[in-house]
């Protein structure tokens, strides 16, 4: 299993840039798998803990938590910021994390808590020069890779 701390150890600069994208706002987006196999998109808060773990939570009985209990696959998307229309090259990009949720003991209020095992981390931003996108992806078995899209 691969945790956030493993990415930080392997690629600290990349991990810092990914974390910065998640920190631009309090709420991001997560995708879970519904009982019928279709996707469910939900807002959520992320916690990059001092213990090197990435966690998320939800209120007791929330359907997204029930989804994760049934099928732990999850995708997380950082909050998105638009670049100024007159200078799209200043867009800092967005980050995505795919993985599996591992349930932890509930909070005192009965809330659900999950620790995220990483299967993929992607950072997409405008390249330099700004005529392309730079897509950086990290996988536990392949490490950090870059590709461009024009």
N, C-alpha and C. Protein backbone atom coordinates (compact mmCIF):
# COMPACT_ATOMS: atom_id res chain seq x y z
N UNK A 1 0.84 -1.18 0.00
CA UNK A 1 0.00 0.00 0.00
C UNK A 1 0.88 1.24 0.00
N UNK A 2 0.42 2.26 -0.68
CA UNK A 2 1.18 3.50 -0.83
C UNK A 2 0.37 4.65 -0.25
N UNK A 3 0.99 5.42 0.63
CA UNK A 3 0.32 6.51 1.32
C UNK A 3 0.92 7.85 0.89
N UNK A 4 0.30 8.93 1.31
CA UNK A 4 0.78 10.27 0.97
C UNK A 4 2.25 10.42 1.40
N UNK A 5 2.61 9.92 2.56
CA UNK A 5 3.99 10.03 3.04
C UNK A 5 4.98 9.37 2.09
N UNK A 6 4.56 8.32 1.39
CA UNK A 6 5.44 7.66 0.42
C UNK A 6 5.70 8.56 -0.78
N UNK A 7 4.67 9.28 -1.22
CA UNK A 7 4.87 10.23 -2.32
C UNK A 7 5.79 11.36 -1.88
N UNK A 8 5.57 11.89 -0.68
CA UNK A 8 6.42 12.97 -0.17
C UNK A 8 7.88 12.52 -0.11
N UNK A 9 8.11 11.30 0.31
CA UNK A 9 9.49 10.78 0.39
C UNK A 9 10.09 10.59 -0.99
N UNK A 10 9.30 10.12 -1.95
CA UNK A 10 9.82 9.83 -3.29
C UNK A 10 9.97 11.08 -4.15
N UNK A 11 9.01 11.98 -4.07
CA UNK A 11 8.98 13.17 -4.94
C UNK A 11 8.50 14.38 -4.13
N UNK A 12 9.33 14.90 -3.22
CA UNK A 12 8.88 15.97 -2.32
C UNK A 12 8.43 17.25 -3.03
N UNK A 13 9.10 17.64 -4.08
CA UNK A 13 8.73 18.88 -4.78
C UNK A 13 7.40 18.71 -5.49
N UNK A 14 7.20 17.59 -6.15
CA UNK A 14 5.93 17.31 -6.82
C UNK A 14 4.80 17.24 -5.79
N UNK A 15 5.03 16.54 -4.70
CA UNK A 15 4.01 16.42 -3.64
C UNK A 15 3.64 17.79 -3.09
N UNK A 16 4.62 18.67 -2.91
CA UNK A 16 4.34 20.02 -2.41
C UNK A 16 3.47 20.81 -3.38
N UNK A 17 3.73 20.67 -4.68
CA UNK A 17 2.91 21.38 -5.67
C UNK A 17 1.49 20.83 -5.72
N UNK A 18 1.35 19.52 -5.59
CA UNK A 18 0.01 18.91 -5.56
C UNK A 18 -0.75 19.40 -4.33
N UNK A 19 -0.10 19.34 -3.19
CA UNK A 19 -0.75 19.79 -1.95
C UNK A 19 -1.15 21.25 -2.03
N UNK A 20 -0.32 22.08 -2.65
CA UNK A 20 -0.65 23.50 -2.81
C UNK A 20 -1.92 23.69 -3.62
N UNK A 21 -2.14 22.85 -4.62
CA UNK A 21 -3.37 22.97 -5.42
C UNK A 21 -4.59 22.61 -4.59
N UNK A 22 -4.47 21.63 -3.71
CA UNK A 22 -5.59 21.27 -2.85
C UNK A 22 -5.83 22.33 -1.77
N UNK A 23 -4.82 23.13 -1.47
CA UNK A 23 -4.94 24.13 -0.40
C UNK A 23 -5.55 25.46 -0.85
N UNK A 24 -5.82 25.64 -2.14
CA UNK A 24 -6.32 26.94 -2.60
C UNK A 24 -7.70 27.28 -2.05
N UNK A 25 -8.47 26.28 -1.71
CA UNK A 25 -9.79 26.48 -1.10
C UNK A 25 -10.04 25.33 -0.14
N UNK A 26 -11.03 25.52 0.72
CA UNK A 26 -11.34 24.51 1.73
C UNK A 26 -11.97 23.24 1.15
N UNK A 27 -12.82 23.40 0.14
CA UNK A 27 -13.58 22.26 -0.39
C UNK A 27 -13.11 21.86 -1.78
N UNK A 28 -12.98 20.56 -1.96
CA UNK A 28 -12.68 19.98 -3.26
C UNK A 28 -13.80 19.04 -3.66
N UNK A 29 -13.52 18.21 -4.64
CA UNK A 29 -14.52 17.29 -5.16
C UNK A 29 -13.99 15.87 -5.08
N UNK A 30 -14.89 14.95 -4.78
CA UNK A 30 -14.53 13.54 -4.79
C UNK A 30 -15.55 12.77 -5.60
N UNK A 31 -15.09 11.68 -6.20
CA UNK A 31 -15.97 10.79 -6.93
C UNK A 31 -15.92 9.42 -6.27
N UNK A 32 -17.09 8.85 -6.06
CA UNK A 32 -17.22 7.50 -5.53
C UNK A 32 -18.07 6.69 -6.50
N UNK A 33 -18.19 5.41 -6.23
CA UNK A 33 -18.98 4.52 -7.09
C UNK A 33 -20.28 4.17 -6.37
N UNK A 34 -21.41 4.50 -7.00
CA UNK A 34 -22.72 4.17 -6.43
C UNK A 34 -22.96 2.66 -6.48
N UNK A 35 -23.98 2.24 -5.79
CA UNK A 35 -24.36 0.82 -5.76
C UNK A 35 -24.58 0.27 -7.16
N UNK A 36 -25.17 1.09 -8.07
CA UNK A 36 -25.45 0.61 -9.43
C UNK A 36 -24.26 0.74 -10.37
N UNK A 37 -23.11 1.20 -9.85
CA UNK A 37 -21.89 1.32 -10.65
C UNK A 37 -21.68 2.68 -11.28
N UNK A 38 -22.66 3.56 -11.19
CA UNK A 38 -22.50 4.89 -11.76
C UNK A 38 -21.71 5.77 -10.79
N UNK A 39 -21.11 6.86 -11.30
CA UNK A 39 -20.31 7.72 -10.42
C UNK A 39 -21.18 8.64 -9.57
N UNK A 40 -20.67 8.98 -8.40
CA UNK A 40 -21.29 9.99 -7.54
C UNK A 40 -20.23 11.07 -7.29
N UNK A 41 -20.56 12.31 -7.56
CA UNK A 41 -19.67 13.44 -7.29
C UNK A 41 -20.16 14.14 -6.03
N UNK A 42 -19.23 14.41 -5.12
CA UNK A 42 -19.57 15.06 -3.85
C UNK A 42 -18.50 16.08 -3.50
N UNK A 43 -18.90 17.12 -2.82
CA UNK A 43 -17.95 18.05 -2.24
C UNK A 43 -17.40 17.45 -0.96
N UNK A 44 -16.16 17.78 -0.64
CA UNK A 44 -15.57 17.27 0.60
C UNK A 44 -14.37 18.13 0.99
N UNK A 45 -13.92 17.94 2.20
CA UNK A 45 -12.70 18.58 2.69
C UNK A 45 -11.62 17.51 2.79
N UNK A 46 -10.39 17.92 2.51
CA UNK A 46 -9.24 17.01 2.56
C UNK A 46 -8.35 17.41 3.72
N UNK A 47 -7.68 16.44 4.32
CA UNK A 47 -6.75 16.72 5.40
C UNK A 47 -5.43 16.01 5.09
N UNK A 48 -4.41 16.81 4.80
CA UNK A 48 -3.06 16.29 4.64
C UNK A 48 -2.41 16.39 6.01
N UNK A 49 -2.47 15.29 6.77
CA UNK A 49 -2.07 15.31 8.17
C UNK A 49 -0.58 15.40 8.40
N UNK A 50 -0.23 15.86 9.58
CA UNK A 50 1.17 15.93 9.98
C UNK A 50 1.80 14.54 10.08
N UNK A 51 0.96 13.51 10.15
CA UNK A 51 1.47 12.14 10.23
C UNK A 51 1.75 11.53 8.86
N UNK A 52 1.62 12.35 7.79
CA UNK A 52 1.93 11.87 6.45
C UNK A 52 0.78 11.15 5.77
N UNK A 53 -0.41 11.27 6.32
CA UNK A 53 -1.58 10.61 5.75
C UNK A 53 -2.52 11.63 5.12
N UNK A 54 -3.17 11.23 4.06
CA UNK A 54 -4.24 12.01 3.43
C UNK A 54 -5.55 11.39 3.88
N UNK A 55 -6.40 12.23 4.45
CA UNK A 55 -7.68 11.75 4.96
C UNK A 55 -8.83 12.61 4.45
N UNK A 56 -10.01 12.02 4.50
CA UNK A 56 -11.24 12.77 4.27
C UNK A 56 -12.29 12.21 5.20
N UNK A 57 -13.34 12.97 5.39
CA UNK A 57 -14.39 12.53 6.28
C UNK A 57 -15.75 12.94 5.77
N UNK A 58 -16.77 12.50 6.47
CA UNK A 58 -18.13 12.88 6.13
C UNK A 58 -19.02 12.71 7.35
N UNK A 59 -20.18 13.32 7.29
CA UNK A 59 -21.14 13.19 8.38
C UNK A 59 -21.60 11.73 8.48
N UNK A 60 -22.04 11.36 9.65
CA UNK A 60 -22.53 10.00 9.88
C UNK A 60 -23.66 9.68 8.91
N UNK A 61 -23.56 8.54 8.26
CA UNK A 61 -24.61 8.09 7.35
C UNK A 61 -24.61 8.72 5.98
N UNK A 62 -23.62 9.55 5.66
CA UNK A 62 -23.58 10.19 4.34
C UNK A 62 -23.44 9.14 3.25
N UNK A 63 -24.14 9.35 2.13
CA UNK A 63 -24.11 8.33 1.06
C UNK A 63 -22.72 8.16 0.48
N UNK A 64 -21.91 9.21 0.43
CA UNK A 64 -20.55 9.03 -0.10
C UNK A 64 -19.74 8.08 0.79
N UNK A 65 -19.96 8.14 2.10
CA UNK A 65 -19.27 7.22 3.01
C UNK A 65 -19.77 5.79 2.81
N UNK A 66 -21.06 5.65 2.60
CA UNK A 66 -21.61 4.32 2.35
C UNK A 66 -21.07 3.76 1.04
N UNK A 67 -20.91 4.64 0.03
CA UNK A 67 -20.28 4.22 -1.22
C UNK A 67 -18.88 3.66 -0.95
N UNK A 68 -18.08 4.39 -0.17
CA UNK A 68 -16.70 3.99 0.09
C UNK A 68 -16.61 2.70 0.90
N UNK A 69 -17.56 2.49 1.78
CA UNK A 69 -17.58 1.23 2.53
C UNK A 69 -17.83 0.04 1.59
N UNK A 70 -18.66 0.25 0.60
CA UNK A 70 -19.03 -0.82 -0.33
C UNK A 70 -17.95 -1.03 -1.40
N UNK A 71 -17.40 0.08 -1.90
CA UNK A 71 -16.39 0.04 -2.96
C UNK A 71 -15.40 1.16 -2.65
N UNK A 72 -14.19 0.85 -2.21
CA UNK A 72 -13.28 1.87 -1.71
C UNK A 72 -12.61 2.74 -2.78
N UNK A 73 -12.88 2.48 -4.05
CA UNK A 73 -12.24 3.31 -5.08
C UNK A 73 -12.75 4.74 -5.00
N UNK A 74 -11.81 5.68 -5.10
CA UNK A 74 -12.16 7.09 -4.96
C UNK A 74 -11.25 7.93 -5.84
N UNK A 75 -11.78 9.03 -6.34
CA UNK A 75 -10.99 10.02 -7.07
C UNK A 75 -11.23 11.37 -6.40
N UNK A 76 -10.15 12.10 -6.19
CA UNK A 76 -10.21 13.41 -5.54
C UNK A 76 -9.72 14.46 -6.52
N UNK A 77 -10.38 15.61 -6.54
CA UNK A 77 -10.00 16.69 -7.44
C UNK A 77 -9.85 17.96 -6.63
N UNK A 78 -8.73 18.64 -6.85
CA UNK A 78 -8.47 19.88 -6.13
C UNK A 78 -9.49 20.94 -6.51
N UNK A 79 -9.66 21.95 -5.66
CA UNK A 79 -10.47 23.09 -6.07
C UNK A 79 -9.86 23.70 -7.33
N UNK A 80 -10.69 24.21 -8.20
CA UNK A 80 -10.22 24.76 -9.47
C UNK A 80 -10.27 26.28 -9.43
N UNK A 81 -9.22 26.90 -9.89
CA UNK A 81 -9.17 28.35 -10.03
C UNK A 81 -8.99 28.67 -11.50
N UNK A 82 -9.73 29.64 -11.98
CA UNK A 82 -9.58 30.07 -13.36
C UNK A 82 -8.44 31.06 -13.49
N UNK A 83 -7.73 30.97 -14.60
CA UNK A 83 -6.70 31.96 -14.91
C UNK A 83 -7.38 33.23 -15.40
N UNK A 84 -6.72 34.37 -15.25
CA UNK A 84 -7.29 35.59 -15.82
C UNK A 84 -7.48 35.42 -17.33
N UNK A 85 -8.62 35.85 -17.88
CA UNK A 85 -8.87 35.67 -19.31
C UNK A 85 -7.79 36.31 -20.20
N UNK A 86 -7.18 37.38 -19.71
CA UNK A 86 -6.17 38.07 -20.52
C UNK A 86 -4.78 37.44 -20.39
N UNK A 87 -4.62 36.46 -19.50
CA UNK A 87 -3.32 35.81 -19.34
C UNK A 87 -3.48 34.36 -18.87
N UNK A 88 -3.98 33.48 -19.76
CA UNK A 88 -4.19 32.09 -19.34
C UNK A 88 -2.91 31.35 -18.96
N UNK A 89 -1.76 31.89 -19.33
CA UNK A 89 -0.50 31.22 -19.00
C UNK A 89 -0.22 31.24 -17.50
N UNK A 90 -0.94 32.06 -16.75
CA UNK A 90 -0.71 32.12 -15.30
C UNK A 90 -1.51 31.09 -14.52
N UNK A 91 -2.26 30.24 -15.23
CA UNK A 91 -3.04 29.20 -14.55
C UNK A 91 -2.10 28.25 -13.83
N UNK A 92 -2.32 28.07 -12.55
CA UNK A 92 -1.46 27.19 -11.74
C UNK A 92 -1.82 25.72 -11.87
N UNK A 93 -2.92 25.43 -12.53
CA UNK A 93 -3.28 24.05 -12.79
C UNK A 93 -4.21 23.45 -11.76
N UNK A 94 -4.41 22.16 -11.89
CA UNK A 94 -5.21 21.44 -10.91
C UNK A 94 -4.59 20.07 -10.67
N UNK A 95 -5.02 19.47 -9.57
CA UNK A 95 -4.45 18.19 -9.15
C UNK A 95 -5.56 17.17 -8.95
N UNK A 96 -5.21 15.93 -9.22
CA UNK A 96 -6.15 14.82 -9.04
C UNK A 96 -5.42 13.67 -8.35
N UNK A 97 -6.13 13.01 -7.46
CA UNK A 97 -5.59 11.86 -6.75
C UNK A 97 -6.59 10.72 -6.88
N UNK A 98 -6.12 9.57 -7.31
CA UNK A 98 -6.95 8.36 -7.35
C UNK A 98 -6.42 7.40 -6.31
N UNK A 99 -7.32 6.63 -5.73
CA UNK A 99 -6.88 5.68 -4.73
C UNK A 99 -8.00 4.85 -4.17
N UNK A 100 -7.71 4.32 -2.98
CA UNK A 100 -8.67 3.49 -2.26
C UNK A 100 -8.80 4.04 -0.84
N UNK A 101 -10.04 4.11 -0.37
CA UNK A 101 -10.32 4.63 0.96
C UNK A 101 -10.32 3.50 1.99
N UNK A 102 -9.62 3.73 3.08
CA UNK A 102 -9.57 2.77 4.19
C UNK A 102 -10.24 3.42 5.39
N UNK A 103 -11.31 2.82 5.85
CA UNK A 103 -12.06 3.43 6.95
C UNK A 103 -11.28 3.34 8.25
N UNK A 104 -11.34 4.43 9.01
CA UNK A 104 -10.72 4.51 10.32
C UNK A 104 -11.83 4.59 11.38
N UNK A 105 -11.50 4.51 12.65
CA UNK A 105 -12.54 4.62 13.68
C UNK A 105 -13.32 5.93 13.53
N UNK A 106 -14.62 5.90 13.82
CA UNK A 106 -15.43 7.11 13.66
C UNK A 106 -15.05 8.19 14.66
N UNK A 107 -15.43 9.42 14.31
CA UNK A 107 -15.23 10.52 15.23
C UNK A 107 -16.20 10.41 16.40
N UNK A 108 -16.00 11.25 17.41
CA UNK A 108 -16.89 11.23 18.58
C UNK A 108 -18.34 11.49 18.21
N UNK A 109 -18.54 12.23 17.13
CA UNK A 109 -19.89 12.56 16.67
C UNK A 109 -20.45 11.50 15.71
N UNK A 110 -19.73 10.41 15.52
CA UNK A 110 -20.17 9.35 14.62
C UNK A 110 -19.78 9.57 13.17
N UNK A 111 -19.05 10.64 12.91
CA UNK A 111 -18.65 10.93 11.53
C UNK A 111 -17.72 9.84 10.99
N UNK A 112 -17.76 9.68 9.68
CA UNK A 112 -16.91 8.70 8.99
C UNK A 112 -15.56 9.34 8.70
N UNK A 113 -14.51 8.55 8.80
CA UNK A 113 -13.16 9.00 8.48
C UNK A 113 -12.47 7.94 7.64
N UNK A 114 -11.78 8.42 6.61
CA UNK A 114 -11.11 7.50 5.69
C UNK A 114 -9.69 7.99 5.43
N UNK A 115 -8.76 7.06 5.40
CA UNK A 115 -7.37 7.32 5.01
C UNK A 115 -7.25 6.86 3.56
N UNK A 116 -6.56 7.66 2.74
CA UNK A 116 -6.50 7.39 1.30
C UNK A 116 -5.18 6.74 0.91
N UNK A 117 -5.30 5.55 0.34
CA UNK A 117 -4.16 4.85 -0.27
C UNK A 117 -4.04 5.37 -1.70
N UNK A 118 -2.85 5.77 -2.10
CA UNK A 118 -2.65 6.36 -3.43
C UNK A 118 -2.43 5.30 -4.50
N UNK A 119 -3.11 5.48 -5.64
CA UNK A 119 -2.83 4.66 -6.82
C UNK A 119 -2.36 5.53 -7.98
N UNK A 120 -2.67 6.83 -7.95
CA UNK A 120 -2.23 7.75 -9.01
C UNK A 120 -2.38 9.18 -8.50
N UNK A 121 -1.41 10.03 -8.86
CA UNK A 121 -1.48 11.45 -8.55
C UNK A 121 -1.10 12.20 -9.82
N UNK A 122 -1.93 13.17 -10.22
CA UNK A 122 -1.72 13.90 -11.47
C UNK A 122 -1.80 15.40 -11.21
N UNK A 123 -0.87 16.12 -11.80
CA UNK A 123 -0.86 17.58 -11.75
C UNK A 123 -0.83 18.08 -13.19
N UNK A 124 -1.81 18.90 -13.56
CA UNK A 124 -1.91 19.44 -14.92
C UNK A 124 -1.79 20.95 -14.83
N UNK A 125 -0.94 21.54 -15.67
CA UNK A 125 -0.76 23.00 -15.67
C UNK A 125 -0.32 23.45 -17.05
N UNK A 126 -0.33 24.76 -17.24
CA UNK A 126 0.13 25.33 -18.50
C UNK A 126 1.65 25.26 -18.55
N UNK A 127 2.17 24.84 -19.69
CA UNK A 127 3.61 24.71 -19.85
C UNK A 127 4.29 26.05 -20.11
N UNK A 128 5.61 25.98 -20.25
CA UNK A 128 6.41 27.16 -20.56
C UNK A 128 7.28 26.81 -21.76
N UNK A 129 7.01 27.40 -22.94
CA UNK A 129 6.05 28.48 -23.21
C UNK A 129 4.61 27.99 -23.11
N UNK A 130 3.66 28.92 -22.99
CA UNK A 130 2.27 28.56 -22.72
C UNK A 130 1.48 28.08 -23.94
N UNK A 131 2.10 27.28 -24.79
CA UNK A 131 1.41 26.75 -25.97
C UNK A 131 1.00 25.30 -25.80
N UNK A 132 1.10 24.78 -24.57
CA UNK A 132 0.77 23.38 -24.31
C UNK A 132 0.43 23.18 -22.83
N UNK A 133 -0.15 22.05 -22.54
CA UNK A 133 -0.34 21.63 -21.15
C UNK A 133 0.78 20.69 -20.77
N UNK A 134 1.22 20.80 -19.54
CA UNK A 134 2.20 19.88 -18.98
C UNK A 134 1.46 18.99 -17.98
N UNK A 135 1.49 17.71 -18.21
CA UNK A 135 0.80 16.75 -17.35
C UNK A 135 1.85 15.90 -16.67
N UNK A 136 1.91 16.01 -15.35
CA UNK A 136 2.83 15.21 -14.55
C UNK A 136 2.00 14.17 -13.81
N UNK A 137 2.41 12.92 -13.89
CA UNK A 137 1.67 11.87 -13.19
C UNK A 137 2.65 11.00 -12.42
N UNK A 138 2.20 10.55 -11.27
CA UNK A 138 3.00 9.69 -10.41
C UNK A 138 2.19 8.45 -10.07
N UNK A 139 2.82 7.29 -10.24
CA UNK A 139 2.23 6.00 -9.89
C UNK A 139 3.22 5.28 -8.99
N UNK A 140 2.75 4.56 -8.00
CA UNK A 140 3.67 3.87 -7.09
C UNK A 140 4.68 2.97 -7.79
N UNK A 141 4.28 2.32 -8.88
CA UNK A 141 5.18 1.38 -9.54
C UNK A 141 5.99 2.00 -10.68
N UNK A 142 5.60 3.18 -11.15
CA UNK A 142 6.30 3.81 -12.29
C UNK A 142 7.01 5.11 -11.93
N UNK A 143 6.70 5.68 -10.79
CA UNK A 143 7.31 6.94 -10.41
C UNK A 143 6.70 8.11 -11.15
N UNK A 144 7.45 9.20 -11.22
CA UNK A 144 6.98 10.45 -11.82
C UNK A 144 7.28 10.46 -13.31
N UNK A 145 6.26 10.79 -14.09
CA UNK A 145 6.40 10.90 -15.54
C UNK A 145 5.78 12.21 -16.00
N UNK A 146 6.27 12.72 -17.12
CA UNK A 146 5.72 13.95 -17.71
C UNK A 146 5.35 13.71 -19.15
N UNK A 147 4.29 14.39 -19.57
CA UNK A 147 3.93 14.39 -20.98
C UNK A 147 3.29 15.74 -21.28
N UNK A 148 3.26 16.08 -22.55
CA UNK A 148 2.66 17.35 -22.95
C UNK A 148 1.47 17.09 -23.86
N UNK A 149 0.58 18.05 -23.89
CA UNK A 149 -0.56 17.98 -24.78
C UNK A 149 -0.72 19.35 -25.44
N UNK A 150 -0.67 19.35 -26.78
CA UNK A 150 -0.78 20.60 -27.54
C UNK A 150 -2.18 20.78 -28.06
